[in-house]
């Protein structure tokens, strides 16, 4: 296998940097916004279009906040959100670095909107660890859509059978396998060696 595709949330990143808790654990305390309200009015209503690049994050979030939390700006919430969802797994990064040194190309393969994709690469620093990021808003399709895996394969420039993939969501792993990728489900405490033994031997 020539390429390893790596999911972000639930694999490389686990919640708040300080304690690993879910990013919005203290949202109401910190910003005065009820999480259930945000879920209903923003994520359940608009996120499906944003995550595949059909709508922009900040304008839509500004519109929603004007209704449910007029005291809060979209920029403040976005900063809070991104900063509190950036705890990296150093052990996995170390394994991935060794694999990359062996000649394997590394891609992030993730459901993200444009701004957080850039934040992950530039501010979190994943651009130093990966060759590129293949993400839903840029591809116009989200995992587990077959089109996501088709387009990601085209961008990688290899055959499906030459791609390994780790993801924490069973439906994404199954969809990747159906497309011909060598996919494994990532679980808490896993290592690259246990998930994909072939890549571990290379590293």
Protein backbone atom coordinates (compact mmCIF):
# COMPACT_ATOMS: atom_id res chain seq x y z
CA UNK A 1 0.00 0.00 0.00
CA UNK A 2 1.25 3.41 -0.97
CA UNK A 3 -1.15 5.77 0.81
CA UNK A 4 -2.69 6.02 4.26
CA UNK A 5 -5.84 8.09 4.72
CA UNK A 6 -6.52 9.22 8.30
CA UNK A 7 -9.74 10.56 9.77
CA UNK A 8 -9.50 13.56 12.11
CA UNK A 9 -12.19 13.76 14.80
CA UNK A 10 -12.24 10.67 16.98
CA UNK A 11 -8.92 9.45 15.57
CA UNK A 12 -6.30 12.21 15.57
CA UNK A 13 -8.24 14.75 17.63
CA UNK A 14 -10.15 14.17 20.83
CA UNK A 15 -11.91 17.22 22.24
CA UNK A 16 -10.57 19.95 24.50
CA UNK A 17 -6.77 20.33 24.71
CA UNK A 18 -6.83 20.72 28.51
CA UNK A 19 -8.83 17.60 29.39
CA UNK A 20 -10.14 15.80 26.31
CA UNK A 21 -13.77 16.55 27.17
CA UNK A 22 -16.21 17.21 24.30
CA UNK A 23 -15.64 20.66 22.87
CA UNK A 24 -18.97 22.18 23.91
CA UNK A 25 -18.99 20.74 27.46
CA UNK A 26 -18.98 24.20 29.06
CA UNK A 27 -20.53 26.18 26.22
CA UNK A 28 -23.37 27.65 28.27
CA UNK A 29 -21.10 28.55 31.17
CA UNK A 30 -18.44 30.11 28.95
CA UNK A 31 -20.49 31.80 26.22
CA UNK A 32 -24.06 31.84 27.50
CA UNK A 33 -25.38 29.61 24.71
CA UNK A 34 -27.46 26.49 25.30
CA UNK A 35 -26.00 23.51 23.43
CA UNK A 36 -29.38 21.94 22.70
CA UNK A 37 -30.54 25.16 21.09
CA UNK A 38 -27.38 25.38 18.98
CA UNK A 39 -27.78 21.77 17.89
CA UNK A 40 -31.40 22.26 16.87
CA UNK A 41 -31.13 25.65 15.19
CA UNK A 42 -27.73 25.29 13.54
CA UNK A 43 -26.28 21.79 13.32
CA UNK A 44 -29.49 19.88 12.64
CA UNK A 45 -30.76 22.55 10.26
CA UNK A 46 -27.76 23.88 8.34
CA UNK A 47 -24.72 21.70 8.93
CA UNK A 48 -25.54 19.24 6.15
CA UNK A 49 -25.13 21.96 3.54
CA UNK A 50 -22.07 23.55 5.17
CA UNK A 51 -20.11 20.31 5.51
CA UNK A 52 -20.27 19.68 1.76
CA UNK A 53 -19.41 23.26 0.80
CA UNK A 54 -22.84 24.43 -0.36
CA UNK A 55 -23.08 27.08 2.36
CA UNK A 56 -20.41 29.10 4.16
CA UNK A 57 -20.00 28.65 7.90
CA UNK A 58 -19.79 32.21 9.24
CA UNK A 59 -22.69 33.88 7.38
CA UNK A 60 -25.11 31.11 8.29
CA UNK A 61 -23.91 30.96 11.90
CA UNK A 62 -24.25 34.75 12.16
CA UNK A 63 -27.85 34.48 11.03
CA UNK A 64 -28.64 31.74 13.57
CA UNK A 65 -26.94 33.49 16.48
CA UNK A 66 -28.86 36.68 15.80
CA UNK A 67 -31.94 34.65 16.59
CA UNK A 68 -30.81 32.40 19.49
CA UNK A 69 -27.90 34.31 21.08
CA UNK A 70 -27.72 37.93 19.91
CA UNK A 71 -25.03 38.70 22.50
CA UNK A 72 -22.61 36.33 20.76
CA UNK A 73 -20.73 36.85 17.49
CA UNK A 74 -20.07 34.05 15.04
CA UNK A 75 -16.34 34.83 15.14
CA UNK A 76 -16.23 34.35 18.92
CA UNK A 77 -18.09 31.06 18.73
CA UNK A 78 -15.94 29.77 15.87
CA UNK A 79 -12.74 30.60 17.74
CA UNK A 80 -14.07 28.86 20.86
CA UNK A 81 -15.18 25.84 18.83
CA UNK A 82 -11.94 25.32 16.94
CA UNK A 83 -9.68 25.89 19.94
CA UNK A 84 -11.67 23.48 22.07
CA UNK A 85 -11.60 20.72 19.46
CA UNK A 86 -7.88 20.37 18.87
CA UNK A 87 -6.39 17.84 21.30
CA UNK A 88 -3.97 15.74 19.24
CA UNK A 89 -3.00 12.12 19.84
CA UNK A 90 0.82 12.35 20.11
CA UNK A 91 1.31 8.58 19.99
CA UNK A 92 -0.51 8.24 16.69
CA UNK A 93 1.34 11.23 15.25
CA UNK A 94 4.63 9.54 16.18
CA UNK A 95 3.59 6.33 14.43
CA UNK A 96 2.47 8.26 11.38
CA UNK A 97 5.75 10.18 11.20
CA UNK A 98 7.69 6.89 11.09
CA UNK A 99 5.37 5.59 8.38
CA UNK A 100 5.81 8.71 6.30
CA UNK A 101 9.57 8.42 6.57
CA UNK A 102 9.28 4.94 5.09
CA UNK A 103 7.79 6.48 1.93
CA UNK A 104 4.04 6.17 2.53
CA UNK A 105 2.02 9.24 1.51
CA UNK A 106 -0.28 10.51 4.27
CA UNK A 107 -3.60 12.25 3.69
CA UNK A 108 -6.26 13.46 6.07
CA UNK A 109 -9.63 12.14 4.86
CA UNK A 110 -12.29 13.96 6.83
CA UNK A 111 -15.71 15.57 6.94
CA UNK A 112 -14.87 19.26 7.46
CA UNK A 113 -16.01 22.66 6.29
CA UNK A 114 -13.47 24.98 4.72
CA UNK A 115 -12.45 27.10 7.69
CA UNK A 116 -11.75 24.27 10.09
CA UNK A 117 -9.87 22.36 7.39
CA UNK A 118 -7.50 25.32 7.07
CA UNK A 119 -7.33 25.68 10.85
CA UNK A 120 -6.34 22.03 11.24
CA UNK A 121 -3.57 22.30 8.69
CA UNK A 122 -2.22 25.74 9.64
CA UNK A 123 -3.02 26.43 13.29
CA UNK A 124 -3.13 22.92 14.73
CA UNK A 125 -0.09 22.11 12.62
CA UNK A 126 -1.25 19.01 10.77
CA UNK A 127 0.13 20.44 7.55
CA UNK A 128 3.59 19.50 8.84
CA UNK A 129 2.54 15.87 9.31
CA UNK A 130 0.42 15.19 6.21
CA UNK A 131 0.88 15.60 2.49
CA UNK A 132 -2.60 17.05 2.02
CA UNK A 133 -6.15 17.16 3.39
CA UNK A 134 -9.05 15.66 1.45
CA UNK A 135 -12.22 16.97 3.00
CA UNK A 136 -15.94 17.01 2.35
CA UNK A 137 -16.50 20.71 1.69
CA UNK A 138 -13.78 20.70 -0.97
CA UNK A 139 -14.93 17.42 -2.55
CA UNK A 140 -18.64 18.28 -2.41
CA UNK A 141 -19.46 14.95 -0.75
CA UNK A 142 -19.14 13.62 2.78
CA UNK A 143 -18.25 10.22 4.15
CA UNK A 144 -19.76 7.65 3.84
CA UNK A 145 -20.87 8.68 0.33
CA UNK A 146 -19.15 6.57 -2.36
CA UNK A 147 -18.39 9.83 -4.18
CA UNK A 148 -16.17 10.94 -1.30
CA UNK A 149 -14.01 7.84 -1.67
CA UNK A 150 -14.00 8.04 -5.47
CA UNK A 151 -12.83 11.65 -5.48
CA UNK A 152 -10.29 11.09 -2.68
CA UNK A 153 -8.84 8.18 -4.64
CA UNK A 154 -8.54 10.35 -7.74
CA UNK A 155 -6.78 13.08 -5.75
CA UNK A 156 -4.37 10.55 -4.25
CA UNK A 157 -3.45 9.29 -7.72
CA UNK A 158 -3.30 5.62 -6.79
CA UNK A 159 -5.55 2.56 -7.09
CA UNK A 160 -8.15 1.92 -4.36
CA UNK A 161 -6.33 -1.24 -3.27
CA UNK A 162 -3.18 0.81 -2.62
CA UNK A 163 -4.91 2.91 0.04
CA UNK A 164 -5.16 2.20 3.77
CA UNK A 165 -7.68 4.06 5.93
CA UNK A 166 -8.48 4.49 9.62
CA UNK A 167 -11.74 6.01 10.88
CA UNK A 168 -13.72 5.75 14.11
CA UNK A 169 -17.11 5.45 12.38
CA UNK A 170 -18.19 1.95 11.31
CA UNK A 171 -20.25 3.22 8.37
CA UNK A 172 -17.26 5.11 6.96
CA UNK A 173 -15.02 2.07 7.28
CA UNK A 174 -17.57 -0.14 5.54
CA UNK A 175 -18.05 2.37 2.71
CA UNK A 176 -14.29 2.58 2.21
CA UNK A 177 -14.03 -1.20 2.06
CA UNK A 178 -16.83 -1.32 -0.49
CA UNK A 179 -14.80 1.07 -2.63
CA UNK A 180 -11.71 -1.13 -2.34
CA UNK A 181 -9.72 0.65 0.35
CA UNK A 182 -7.99 -1.33 3.10
CA UNK A 183 -9.95 0.20 5.96
CA UNK A 184 -9.93 -0.40 9.71
CA UNK A 185 -12.06 1.02 12.48
CA UNK A 186 -10.13 3.10 15.01
CA UNK A 187 -10.99 2.67 18.68
CA UNK A 188 -9.74 4.38 21.84
CA UNK A 189 -6.29 3.17 22.78
CA UNK A 190 -5.60 1.62 19.38
CA UNK A 191 -2.24 1.73 17.66
CA UNK A 192 -1.49 1.81 13.97
CA UNK A 193 0.12 -1.59 14.38
CA UNK A 194 -3.05 -3.14 15.78
CA UNK A 195 -5.38 -1.45 13.30
CA UNK A 196 -3.36 -1.95 10.11
CA UNK A 197 -0.51 -4.44 10.71
CA UNK A 198 0.82 -4.03 7.15
CA UNK A 199 1.63 -0.36 7.74
CA UNK A 200 3.14 -1.11 11.14
CA UNK A 201 5.72 -3.37 9.52
CA UNK A 202 6.72 -0.57 7.17
CA UNK A 203 7.14 1.87 10.08
